């Protein structure tokens, strides 16, 4: 019987991590009280966090993700606010996307994290004159992908935007 070398073990570990990452669950806080915080919104400002990992190199350009999110919102009938409108809109409603993709070592495997959160100004119950910026709705997912699976990242971002759209439309039914 042949002994498994350390290189062989690392390869199998990488395969197991890859498979586990592909089936990683989404975590969401799409609860009724979170949806209620979306009621009465007339639009949202979309921001995509600047990327500092390997995202641009693997085809996840900030401008592409920004466009993907804005197009989906507009198709659903949700108004996308310009930055100048966002600053004066009640509560400063902001849909914020953060995508991080990091490659470790020479393996063609990336750890990918996607976070989509809706932020707005909220008031403290014990001190109603104090407004703070806080996420009131969010969803995220994390996984390990090989380079061939990276296009799935944009698809997963669009899935998260669909979750937001469903929550928004549930809180703001068309009359």
Protein backbone atom coordinates (compact mmCIF):
# COMPACT_ATOMS: atom_id res chain seq x y z
CA UNK A 1 0.00 0.00 0.00
CA UNK A 2 1.38 3.39 -1.00
CA UNK A 3 1.58 6.21 1.52
CA UNK A 4 -0.18 9.47 0.62
CA UNK A 5 2.32 12.29 0.34
CA UNK A 6 1.80 15.74 1.86
CA UNK A 7 1.30 17.19 -1.65
CA UNK A 8 -1.43 14.63 -2.28
CA UNK A 9 -3.14 15.49 1.00
CA UNK A 10 -3.05 19.21 0.23
CA UNK A 11 -4.62 18.55 -3.15
CA UNK A 12 -7.50 16.59 -1.58
CA UNK A 13 -7.96 19.24 1.09
CA UNK A 14 -8.19 21.91 -1.64
CA UNK A 15 -10.80 19.82 -3.51
CA UNK A 16 -12.88 19.37 -0.35
CA UNK A 17 -12.71 23.08 0.46
CA UNK A 18 -13.70 23.91 -3.13
CA UNK A 19 -16.73 21.63 -3.02
CA UNK A 20 -17.76 22.93 0.42
CA UNK A 21 -17.45 26.51 -0.80
CA UNK A 22 -19.65 25.92 -3.80
CA UNK A 23 -22.50 24.87 -1.55
CA UNK A 24 -21.98 27.52 1.08
CA UNK A 25 -25.30 28.89 2.32
CA UNK A 26 -26.43 32.45 2.07
CA UNK A 27 -27.00 34.27 5.31
CA UNK A 28 -29.66 36.91 5.34
CA UNK A 29 -31.48 39.12 7.75
CA UNK A 30 -34.55 39.44 5.55
CA UNK A 31 -36.90 39.45 8.52
CA UNK A 32 -40.31 41.17 8.63
CA UNK A 33 -38.94 43.99 10.79
CA UNK A 34 -36.08 44.48 8.31
CA UNK A 35 -38.53 44.65 5.44
CA UNK A 36 -40.61 47.20 7.33
CA UNK A 37 -37.61 49.55 7.34
CA UNK A 38 -37.87 49.65 3.53
CA UNK A 39 -41.46 50.93 3.53
CA UNK A 40 -41.99 54.36 2.06
CA UNK A 41 -38.68 54.56 0.22
CA UNK A 42 -38.83 56.52 -3.01
CA UNK A 43 -35.46 55.28 -4.23
CA UNK A 44 -32.01 54.13 -3.20
CA UNK A 45 -28.45 55.20 -3.84
CA UNK A 46 -26.17 52.35 -4.95
CA UNK A 47 -22.56 52.16 -3.79
CA UNK A 48 -19.98 49.48 -4.47
CA UNK A 49 -17.03 49.34 -2.11
CA UNK A 50 -13.60 49.84 -3.64
CA UNK A 51 -11.93 46.52 -4.22
CA UNK A 52 -8.47 45.80 -2.85
CA UNK A 53 -8.03 42.10 -3.59
CA UNK A 54 -7.88 40.17 -6.84
CA UNK A 55 -11.34 41.23 -8.01
CA UNK A 56 -10.35 43.44 -10.95
CA UNK A 57 -7.85 40.90 -12.23
CA UNK A 58 -10.49 38.17 -12.38
CA UNK A 59 -13.10 40.27 -14.13
CA UNK A 60 -15.12 41.68 -11.24
CA UNK A 61 -14.74 45.35 -12.11
CA UNK A 62 -16.34 47.82 -9.72
CA UNK A 63 -18.11 49.60 -12.60
CA UNK A 64 -19.54 46.31 -13.91
CA UNK A 65 -20.96 45.36 -10.52
CA UNK A 66 -22.37 48.89 -10.05
CA UNK A 67 -24.12 48.65 -13.42
CA UNK A 68 -25.44 45.14 -12.67
CA UNK A 69 -27.05 46.33 -9.44
CA UNK A 70 -28.50 49.54 -10.88
CA UNK A 71 -29.96 47.80 -13.95
CA UNK A 72 -31.71 45.17 -11.83
CA UNK A 73 -33.21 47.83 -9.55
CA UNK A 74 -34.46 49.91 -12.48
CA UNK A 75 -35.95 46.82 -14.16
CA UNK A 76 -37.90 46.20 -10.95
CA UNK A 77 -39.19 49.78 -10.96
CA UNK A 78 -37.01 50.96 -8.06
CA UNK A 79 -35.61 54.43 -8.56
CA UNK A 80 -31.82 54.70 -8.37
CA UNK A 81 -30.81 57.97 -6.73
CA UNK A 82 -27.91 60.07 -7.95
CA UNK A 83 -25.35 60.97 -5.29
CA UNK A 84 -26.73 64.53 -5.13
CA UNK A 85 -30.27 63.22 -4.52
CA UNK A 86 -29.10 60.71 -1.93
CA UNK A 87 -27.69 63.40 0.34
CA UNK A 88 -31.07 65.12 0.66
CA UNK A 89 -33.36 62.06 0.59
CA UNK A 90 -35.01 61.27 3.95
CA UNK A 91 -32.81 58.78 5.81
CA UNK A 92 -30.14 58.82 3.06
CA UNK A 93 -31.14 55.35 1.74
CA UNK A 94 -28.13 53.42 0.44
CA UNK A 95 -27.76 49.93 -0.99
CA UNK A 96 -24.13 48.96 -0.45
CA UNK A 97 -22.31 46.08 -2.16
CA UNK A 98 -18.98 44.66 -1.06
CA UNK A 99 -17.30 41.84 -3.00
CA UNK A 100 -13.95 40.43 -1.91
CA UNK A 101 -12.03 37.76 -3.83
CA UNK A 102 -8.65 36.66 -2.52
CA UNK A 103 -6.29 34.11 -3.98
CA UNK A 104 -3.94 32.35 -1.59
CA UNK A 105 -0.67 31.02 -2.90
CA UNK A 106 -0.32 29.45 -6.31
CA UNK A 107 -3.54 27.45 -6.24
CA UNK A 108 -6.17 28.61 -8.77
CA UNK A 109 -8.67 28.93 -5.92
CA UNK A 110 -10.26 32.10 -4.56
CA UNK A 111 -12.06 32.81 -1.31
CA UNK A 112 -15.06 34.95 -2.29
CA UNK A 113 -17.28 36.99 0.02
CA UNK A 114 -20.35 38.96 -1.07
CA UNK A 115 -22.23 41.37 1.20
CA UNK A 116 -25.25 43.45 0.20
CA UNK A 117 -26.68 45.75 2.85
CA UNK A 118 -29.25 48.50 2.97
CA UNK A 119 -28.13 51.41 5.14
CA UNK A 120 -30.10 54.38 6.35
CA UNK A 121 -30.12 56.95 9.12
CA UNK A 122 -31.86 55.72 12.26
CA UNK A 123 -32.71 57.42 15.56
CA UNK A 124 -31.84 56.07 19.00
CA UNK A 125 -34.91 55.29 21.11
CA UNK A 126 -33.29 56.68 24.28
CA UNK A 127 -32.05 59.81 22.51
CA UNK A 128 -34.25 60.58 19.46
CA UNK A 129 -32.16 63.59 18.48
CA UNK A 130 -29.18 61.34 17.73
CA UNK A 131 -29.18 59.91 14.19
CA UNK A 132 -26.83 57.09 13.28
CA UNK A 133 -26.11 55.25 10.04
CA UNK A 134 -27.04 51.58 10.32
CA UNK A 135 -27.79 48.55 8.15
CA UNK A 136 -31.46 47.65 8.44
CA UNK A 137 -31.52 44.86 5.83
CA UNK A 138 -28.68 42.64 4.61
CA UNK A 139 -27.67 39.41 2.95
CA UNK A 140 -24.31 37.76 2.33
CA UNK A 141 -22.64 34.65 1.05
CA UNK A 142 -19.15 33.21 1.17
CA UNK A 143 -17.43 30.48 -0.74
CA UNK A 144 -14.35 29.06 -2.34
CA UNK A 145 -14.25 29.03 -6.12
CA UNK A 146 -11.81 27.93 -8.78
CA UNK A 147 -11.11 30.35 -11.61
CA UNK A 148 -13.69 28.62 -13.81
CA UNK A 149 -16.38 29.34 -11.22
CA UNK A 150 -15.69 33.05 -10.82
CA UNK A 151 -18.40 34.15 -13.31
CA UNK A 152 -20.82 32.70 -10.76
CA UNK A 153 -19.87 35.59 -8.47
CA UNK A 154 -21.68 38.15 -10.65
CA UNK A 155 -24.67 35.81 -10.80
CA UNK A 156 -24.66 35.50 -7.01
CA UNK A 157 -24.52 39.32 -6.69
CA UNK A 158 -27.60 39.54 -8.94
CA UNK A 159 -29.33 36.90 -6.76
CA UNK A 160 -28.67 39.05 -3.69
CA UNK A 161 -30.08 42.09 -5.48
CA UNK A 162 -33.18 40.02 -6.30
CA UNK A 163 -33.54 39.30 -2.56
CA UNK A 164 -33.45 43.04 -1.88
CA UNK A 165 -35.95 43.74 -4.65
CA UNK A 166 -38.35 41.14 -3.21
CA UNK A 167 -38.05 42.67 0.26
CA UNK A 168 -38.51 46.21 -1.14
CA UNK A 169 -41.58 45.23 -3.17
CA UNK A 170 -43.09 43.40 -0.19
CA UNK A 171 -42.70 46.56 1.90
CA UNK A 172 -43.87 48.86 -0.94
CA UNK A 173 -46.67 47.07 -2.80
CA UNK A 174 -47.83 48.72 -6.00
CA UNK A 175 -51.23 50.31 -5.65
